Each structure stands twice: as structure tokens, then as C-alpha cells.
Amino acid sequence: MFCQPDDSPWNPDHVTKRFRKLCNTAGVPSVKLHEGGRHTGRSLMGDVGVAEDVSMREVGHSDRATHSRYNHPLVTAHQQAAEDVENLVFEGGEQR
């Protein structure tokens, strides 16, 4: 929700048009605010380990399959996952 100085909400179309104009001025691609916010929020919550039921409520998903499609982990999350698996393998076999 984007609020005006008097705390009333901006019309969503106004926000979208303003956002596109700012992107054009900055020379960066414009993303749909709904997708950008929901995908980014979901992904960041996943990266920091927020419980799935909590992140589902935060982004408004009631279906786990839908929720899982919105996750785009950071490269660092992939790296951490690889290191965690490596540690697990070494702990189960030889000692380092």
C-alpha cells in the first residue's frame, strides 16, 4: 500500500505509472510491482529461513505449490546449500 501525505491510499494505476516513469528515467527495466514485490519478498524470506507457513501468509498464498513457484533463491543461498550438503556428507563419512 502506498499512501499519500494525508494517509489516503494512492490509486494503484497512479503508482504503476509513476513507477514506470521512474524506471524509464533511471534507465532500468520496469517490473510489475505485484510480481516484483511478491517474488522478491517470498525469495528473501526463503533465503533467511522464514518458516513456509509464515511466508505463505505474508504474501497471501494458500497453496504450497503456488508458493514454491515464487521462490528465486539468491546465488548465496545456492552456495550455502552446497556447503551444507558437503558438510553433511563429510560428517557421515570420514572426519576432516
C-alpha atoms as a PDB file:
ATOM      1  CA  MET A   1       0.000   0.000   0.000  1.00  0.00           C
ATOM      2  CA  PHE A   2       1.332   3.393  -0.997  1.00  0.00           C
ATOM      3  CA  CYS A   3      -0.107   6.320   0.943  1.00  0.00           C
ATOM      4  CA  GLN A   4      -0.465   9.990   0.133  1.00  0.00           C
ATOM      5  CA  PRO A   5       0.631  12.632   2.662  1.00  0.00           C
ATOM      6  CA  ASP A   6      -2.905  12.631   4.136  1.00  0.00           C
ATOM      7  CA  ASP A   7      -2.646   8.826   4.681  1.00  0.00           C
ATOM      8  CA  SER A   8      -5.197   8.010   1.973  1.00  0.00           C
ATOM      9  CA  PRO A   9      -4.086   5.300  -0.471  1.00  0.00           C
ATOM     10  CA  TRP A  10      -2.818   6.153  -3.926  1.00  0.00           C
ATOM     11  CA  ASN A  11      -4.765   4.713  -6.813  1.00  0.00           C
ATOM     12  CA  PRO A  12      -2.855   1.597  -7.978  1.00  0.00           C
ATOM     13  CA  ASP A  13      -2.801   2.890 -11.567  1.00  0.00           C
ATOM     14  CA  HIS A  14      -1.102   6.094 -10.395  1.00  0.00           C
ATOM     15  CA  VAL A  15       1.538   4.099  -8.525  1.00  0.00           C
ATOM     16  CA  THR A  16       2.191   1.870 -11.550  1.00  0.00           C
ATOM     17  CA  LYS A  17       2.521   4.820 -13.937  1.00  0.00           C
ATOM     18  CA  ARG A  18       4.819   6.685 -11.548  1.00  0.00           C
ATOM     19  CA  PHE A  19       6.969   3.598 -11.059  1.00  0.00           C
ATOM     20  CA  ARG A  20       7.322   3.078 -14.828  1.00  0.00           C
ATOM     21  CA  LYS A  21       8.285   6.726 -15.277  1.00  0.00           C
ATOM     22  CA  LEU A  22      10.947   6.444 -12.553  1.00  0.00           C
ATOM     23  CA  CYS A  23      12.329   3.269 -14.175  1.00  0.00           C
ATOM     24  CA  ASN A  24      12.487   4.934 -17.577  1.00  0.00           C
ATOM     25  CA  THR A  25      14.248   7.959 -16.082  1.00  0.00           C
ATOM     26  CA  ALA A  26      16.744   5.691 -14.316  1.00  0.00           C
ATOM     27  CA  GLY A  27      17.278   3.583 -17.442  1.00  0.00           C
ATOM     28  CA  VAL A  28      16.328   0.335 -15.750  1.00  0.00           C
ATOM     29  CA  PRO A  29      13.707  -2.204 -16.797  1.00  0.00           C
ATOM     30  CA  SER A  30      10.303  -1.895 -15.196  1.00  0.00           C
ATOM     31  CA  VAL A  31       8.819  -4.928 -13.478  1.00  0.00           C
ATOM     32  CA  LYS A  32       5.227  -5.411 -12.435  1.00  0.00           C
ATOM     33  CA  LEU A  33       5.054  -4.229  -8.841  1.00  0.00           C
ATOM     34  CA  HIS A  34       2.868  -7.169  -7.846  1.00  0.00           C
ATOM     35  CA  GLU A  35       5.334  -9.683  -9.255  1.00  0.00           C
ATOM     36  CA  GLY A  36       8.432  -7.848  -8.131  1.00  0.00           C
ATOM     37  CA  GLY A  37       7.207  -7.348  -4.589  1.00  0.00           C
ATOM     38  CA  ARG A  38       5.693 -10.769  -4.102  1.00  0.00           C
ATOM     39  CA  HIS A  39       8.543 -12.678  -5.760  1.00  0.00           C
ATOM     40  CA  THR A  40      11.227 -10.670  -4.018  1.00  0.00           C
ATOM     41  CA  GLY A  41       9.533 -10.866  -0.640  1.00  0.00           C
ATOM     42  CA  ARG A  42       8.973 -14.608  -0.951  1.00  0.00           C
ATOM     43  CA  SER A  43      12.539 -15.216  -2.105  1.00  0.00           C
ATOM     44  CA  LEU A  44      14.146 -13.095   0.601  1.00  0.00           C
ATOM     45  CA  MET A  45      12.037 -14.764   3.297  1.00  0.00           C
ATOM     46  CA  GLY A  46      13.172 -18.138   1.956  1.00  0.00           C
ATOM     47  CA  ASP A  47      16.806 -17.045   1.916  1.00  0.00           C
ATOM     48  CA  VAL A  48      16.756 -16.074   5.579  1.00  0.00           C
ATOM     49  CA  GLY A  49      14.864 -19.177   6.672  1.00  0.00           C
ATOM     50  CA  VAL A  50      11.397 -17.777   7.439  1.00  0.00           C
ATOM     51  CA  ALA A  51       9.018 -20.676   8.060  1.00  0.00           C
ATOM     52  CA  GLU A  52       6.984 -21.552   4.982  1.00  0.00           C
ATOM     53  CA  ASP A  53       3.614 -21.128   6.696  1.00  0.00           C
ATOM     54  CA  VAL A  54       4.621 -17.631   7.806  1.00  0.00           C
ATOM     55  CA  SER A  55       5.891 -16.561   4.378  1.00  0.00           C
ATOM     56  CA  MET A  56       2.743 -18.008   2.766  1.00  0.00           C
ATOM     57  CA  ARG A  57       0.591 -15.783   4.963  1.00  0.00           C
ATOM     58  CA  GLU A  58       2.787 -12.747   4.321  1.00  0.00           C
ATOM     59  CA  VAL A  59       2.496 -12.959   0.526  1.00  0.00           C
ATOM     60  CA  GLY A  60      -1.100 -14.191   0.512  1.00  0.00           C
ATOM     61  CA  HIS A  61      -0.703 -17.739  -0.790  1.00  0.00           C
ATOM     62  CA  SER A  62      -2.976 -20.547   0.365  1.00  0.00           C
ATOM     63  CA  ASP A  63      -1.430 -23.245  -1.841  1.00  0.00           C
ATOM     64  CA  ARG A  64       2.088 -24.607  -1.246  1.00  0.00           C
ATOM     65  CA  ALA A  65       2.592 -25.461  -4.931  1.00  0.00           C
ATOM     66  CA  THR A  66       1.919 -21.845  -5.921  1.00  0.00           C
ATOM     67  CA  HIS A  67       4.112 -20.605  -3.097  1.00  0.00           C
ATOM     68  CA  SER A  68       7.059 -22.748  -4.197  1.00  0.00           C
ATOM     69  CA  ARG A  69       6.931 -21.304  -7.735  1.00  0.00           C
ATOM     70  CA  TYR A  70       7.507 -17.823  -6.345  1.00  0.00           C
ATOM     71  CA  ASN A  71      10.876 -18.665  -4.802  1.00  0.00           C
ATOM     72  CA  HIS A  72      14.002 -17.443  -6.606  1.00  0.00           C
ATOM     73  CA  PRO A  73      16.890 -18.060  -4.205  1.00  0.00           C
ATOM     74  CA  LEU A  74      19.944 -15.850  -4.272  1.00  0.00           C
ATOM     75  CA  VAL A  75      23.242 -17.231  -5.512  1.00  0.00           C
ATOM     76  CA  THR A  76      24.478 -17.094  -1.914  1.00  0.00           C
ATOM     77  CA  ALA A  77      21.595 -19.357  -0.862  1.00  0.00           C
ATOM     78  CA  HIS A  78      22.631 -21.904  -3.507  1.00  0.00           C
ATOM     79  CA  GLN A  79      26.244 -21.690  -2.331  1.00  0.00           C
ATOM     80  CA  GLN A  80      25.190 -22.180   1.299  1.00  0.00           C
ATOM     81  CA  ALA A  81      23.059 -25.191   0.322  1.00  0.00           C
ATOM     82  CA  ALA A  82      26.037 -26.772  -1.466  1.00  0.00           C
ATOM     83  CA  GLU A  83      28.266 -26.180   1.558  1.00  0.00           C
ATOM     84  CA  ASP A  84      25.638 -27.608   3.923  1.00  0.00           C
ATOM     85  CA  VAL A  85      25.371 -30.781   1.809  1.00  0.00           C
ATOM     86  CA  GLU A  86      29.155 -31.057   1.652  1.00  0.00           C
ATOM     87  CA  ASN A  87      29.351 -30.805   5.442  1.00  0.00           C
ATOM     88  CA  LEU A  88      26.655 -33.436   5.842  1.00  0.00           C
ATOM     89  CA  VAL A  89      28.475 -35.845   3.522  1.00  0.00           C
ATOM     90  CA  PHE A  90      31.776 -35.390   5.323  1.00  0.00           C
ATOM     91  CA  GLU A  91      30.173 -35.728   8.760  1.00  0.00           C
ATOM     92  CA  GLY A  92      28.587 -39.033   7.673  1.00  0.00           C
ATOM     93  CA  GLY A  93      31.855 -40.425   6.323  1.00  0.00           C
ATOM     94  CA  GLU A  94      35.439 -39.563   7.045  1.00  0.00           C
ATOM     95  CA  GLN A  95      36.332 -36.964   9.613  1.00  0.00           C
ATOM     96  CA  ARG A  96      38.028 -33.876   8.236  1.00  0.00           C
END
